[in-house]
Amino acid sequence: MSKKVWVDKEQCIGCELCVNTCPGVFRLDADGKSECYDSTGDSEENIQTAIDMCPVSCIQWQD
């Protein structure tokens, strides 16, 4: 997978939808904000689902 996932922590509200959808990719940091710790931790399809579910659209693909 050549794509990487990026989370805009300033916009993140810490709802944990991405963490619950792809726990192998996302986790909450010490401030309760989502972070991507492994862009290869799940399929692109599942990661895209997490991106689409984000209520504040703070998760994006980066090439």
N, C-alpha and C. Protein backbone atom coordinates (compact mmCIF):
# COMPACT_ATOMS: atom_id res chain seq x y z
N MET A 1 0.85 -1.18 0.00
CA MET A 1 0.00 0.00 0.00
C MET A 1 0.89 1.24 0.00
N SER A 2 0.74 2.08 -1.00
CA SER A 2 1.58 3.26 -1.08
C SER A 2 0.95 4.47 -0.38
N LYS A 3 -0.33 4.41 -0.14
CA LYS A 3 -1.01 5.52 0.52
C LYS A 3 -0.74 5.49 2.02
N LYS A 4 -0.72 6.67 2.60
CA LYS A 4 -0.61 6.80 4.05
C LYS A 4 -1.82 7.58 4.53
N VAL A 5 -2.14 7.39 5.78
CA VAL A 5 -3.30 8.06 6.37
C VAL A 5 -2.82 9.18 7.28
N TRP A 6 -3.50 10.30 7.22
CA TRP A 6 -3.16 11.46 8.02
C TRP A 6 -4.40 11.94 8.77
N VAL A 7 -4.23 12.30 10.03
CA VAL A 7 -5.33 12.82 10.85
C VAL A 7 -5.01 14.26 11.24
N ASP A 8 -5.93 15.16 10.96
CA ASP A 8 -5.81 16.55 11.38
C ASP A 8 -6.27 16.62 12.83
N LYS A 9 -5.34 16.62 13.74
CA LYS A 9 -5.66 16.56 15.17
C LYS A 9 -6.36 17.82 15.67
N GLU A 10 -6.19 18.93 14.99
CA GLU A 10 -6.88 20.16 15.40
C GLU A 10 -8.38 20.04 15.18
N GLN A 11 -8.79 19.25 14.20
CA GLN A 11 -10.21 19.08 13.91
C GLN A 11 -10.81 17.87 14.64
N CYS A 12 -9.98 16.91 15.02
CA CYS A 12 -10.46 15.67 15.63
C CYS A 12 -11.19 15.96 16.94
N ILE A 13 -12.34 15.29 17.12
CA ILE A 13 -13.12 15.46 18.35
C ILE A 13 -13.02 14.25 19.28
N GLY A 14 -12.20 13.28 18.90
CA GLY A 14 -11.96 12.11 19.75
C GLY A 14 -13.17 11.19 19.90
N CYS A 15 -13.97 11.07 18.86
CA CYS A 15 -15.19 10.26 18.95
C CYS A 15 -14.93 8.76 18.92
N GLU A 16 -13.74 8.36 18.48
CA GLU A 16 -13.29 6.97 18.45
C GLU A 16 -13.93 6.10 17.36
N LEU A 17 -14.69 6.68 16.44
CA LEU A 17 -15.26 5.87 15.35
C LEU A 17 -14.17 5.21 14.53
N CYS A 18 -13.12 5.94 14.23
CA CYS A 18 -12.02 5.36 13.44
C CYS A 18 -11.29 4.27 14.22
N VAL A 19 -11.11 4.49 15.51
CA VAL A 19 -10.45 3.50 16.36
C VAL A 19 -11.28 2.22 16.43
N ASN A 20 -12.57 2.37 16.57
CA ASN A 20 -13.45 1.20 16.64
C ASN A 20 -13.55 0.49 15.30
N THR A 21 -13.45 1.23 14.20
CA THR A 21 -13.55 0.65 12.87
C THR A 21 -12.25 -0.03 12.46
N CYS A 22 -11.12 0.60 12.75
CA CYS A 22 -9.80 0.08 12.35
C CYS A 22 -8.80 0.20 13.50
N PRO A 23 -8.94 -0.64 14.52
CA PRO A 23 -8.03 -0.55 15.66
C PRO A 23 -6.57 -0.87 15.31
N GLY A 24 -6.35 -1.51 14.19
CA GLY A 24 -4.98 -1.79 13.75
C GLY A 24 -4.32 -0.62 13.06
N VAL A 25 -5.09 0.44 12.85
CA VAL A 25 -4.58 1.63 12.14
C VAL A 25 -4.60 2.86 13.05
N PHE A 26 -5.71 3.04 13.76
CA PHE A 26 -5.90 4.25 14.57
C PHE A 26 -5.89 3.94 16.05
N ARG A 27 -5.48 4.94 16.82
CA ARG A 27 -5.56 4.90 18.28
C ARG A 27 -5.69 6.33 18.75
N LEU A 28 -6.06 6.50 20.01
CA LEU A 28 -6.12 7.84 20.59
C LEU A 28 -4.79 8.16 21.24
N ASP A 29 -4.34 9.39 21.06
CA ASP A 29 -3.08 9.81 21.68
C ASP A 29 -3.35 10.28 23.11
N ALA A 30 -2.36 10.79 23.76
CA ALA A 30 -2.48 11.21 25.16
C ALA A 30 -3.49 12.34 25.35
N ASP A 31 -3.76 13.10 24.27
CA ASP A 31 -4.73 14.19 24.33
C ASP A 31 -6.13 13.75 23.95
N GLY A 32 -6.32 12.46 23.69
CA GLY A 32 -7.64 11.96 23.31
C GLY A 32 -8.00 12.20 21.87
N LYS A 33 -7.00 12.48 21.04
CA LYS A 33 -7.20 12.72 19.62
C LYS A 33 -6.73 11.50 18.83
N SER A 34 -7.37 11.25 17.72
CA SER A 34 -7.00 10.11 16.89
C SER A 34 -5.64 10.33 16.24
N GLU A 35 -4.92 9.24 16.06
CA GLU A 35 -3.68 9.27 15.30
C GLU A 35 -3.57 7.96 14.54
N CYS A 36 -2.93 8.03 13.39
CA CYS A 36 -2.67 6.83 12.61
C CYS A 36 -1.29 6.34 13.01
N TYR A 37 -1.24 5.13 13.53
CA TYR A 37 0.05 4.57 13.91
C TYR A 37 0.52 3.48 12.96
N ASP A 38 -0.36 3.01 12.06
CA ASP A 38 0.04 1.99 11.09
C ASP A 38 -0.90 2.02 9.90
N SER A 39 -0.49 2.68 8.83
CA SER A 39 -1.32 2.78 7.62
C SER A 39 -1.53 1.44 6.93
N THR A 40 -0.77 0.44 7.32
CA THR A 40 -0.91 -0.89 6.73
C THR A 40 -1.64 -1.86 7.66
N GLY A 41 -2.23 -1.35 8.72
CA GLY A 41 -2.85 -2.19 9.73
C GLY A 41 -4.22 -2.73 9.38
N ASP A 42 -4.74 -2.37 8.21
CA ASP A 42 -6.04 -2.87 7.77
C ASP A 42 -6.12 -2.65 6.26
N SER A 43 -7.18 -3.13 5.65
CA SER A 43 -7.34 -2.97 4.19
C SER A 43 -7.69 -1.52 3.85
N GLU A 44 -7.37 -1.13 2.62
CA GLU A 44 -7.74 0.22 2.17
C GLU A 44 -9.24 0.41 2.26
N GLU A 45 -9.99 -0.63 1.97
CA GLU A 45 -11.45 -0.54 2.02
C GLU A 45 -11.94 -0.22 3.43
N ASN A 46 -11.41 -0.90 4.42
CA ASN A 46 -11.81 -0.63 5.80
C ASN A 46 -11.35 0.74 6.27
N ILE A 47 -10.14 1.14 5.87
CA ILE A 47 -9.65 2.47 6.23
C ILE A 47 -10.54 3.53 5.59
N GLN A 48 -10.93 3.31 4.34
CA GLN A 48 -11.82 4.27 3.66
C GLN A 48 -13.15 4.37 4.39
N THR A 49 -13.64 3.27 4.90
CA THR A 49 -14.88 3.29 5.70
C THR A 49 -14.70 4.17 6.92
N ALA A 50 -13.57 4.04 7.60
CA ALA A 50 -13.30 4.89 8.77
C ALA A 50 -13.22 6.36 8.37
N ILE A 51 -12.58 6.64 7.24
CA ILE A 51 -12.49 8.02 6.74
C ILE A 51 -13.89 8.56 6.47
N ASP A 52 -14.71 7.77 5.80
CA ASP A 52 -16.06 8.20 5.44
C ASP A 52 -16.95 8.40 6.66
N MET A 53 -16.71 7.64 7.72
CA MET A 53 -17.52 7.73 8.93
C MET A 53 -17.15 8.91 9.83
N CYS A 54 -15.99 9.47 9.65
CA CYS A 54 -15.52 10.55 10.53
C CYS A 54 -16.50 11.74 10.46
N PRO A 55 -17.08 12.12 11.60
CA PRO A 55 -18.09 13.20 11.59
C PRO A 55 -17.51 14.58 11.29
N VAL A 56 -16.21 14.77 11.45
CA VAL A 56 -15.62 16.08 11.18
C VAL A 56 -14.64 16.04 9.99
N SER A 57 -14.61 14.92 9.30
CA SER A 57 -13.78 14.75 8.08
C SER A 57 -12.32 15.16 8.30
N CYS A 58 -11.74 14.68 9.39
CA CYS A 58 -10.35 15.06 9.71
C CYS A 58 -9.33 14.02 9.31
N ILE A 59 -9.78 12.93 8.65
CA ILE A 59 -8.86 11.86 8.22
C ILE A 59 -8.77 11.88 6.71
N GLN A 60 -7.55 11.81 6.20
CA GLN A 60 -7.33 11.89 4.76
C GLN A 60 -6.24 10.94 4.32
N TRP A 61 -6.28 10.59 3.04
CA TRP A 61 -5.19 9.84 2.42
C TRP A 61 -4.11 10.81 1.99
N GLN A 62 -2.87 10.38 2.10
CA GLN A 62 -1.73 11.11 1.55
C GLN A 62 -0.94 10.14 0.70
N ASP A 63 -0.46 10.60 -0.45
CA ASP A 63 0.35 9.75 -1.31
C ASP A 63 1.80 9.77 -0.90
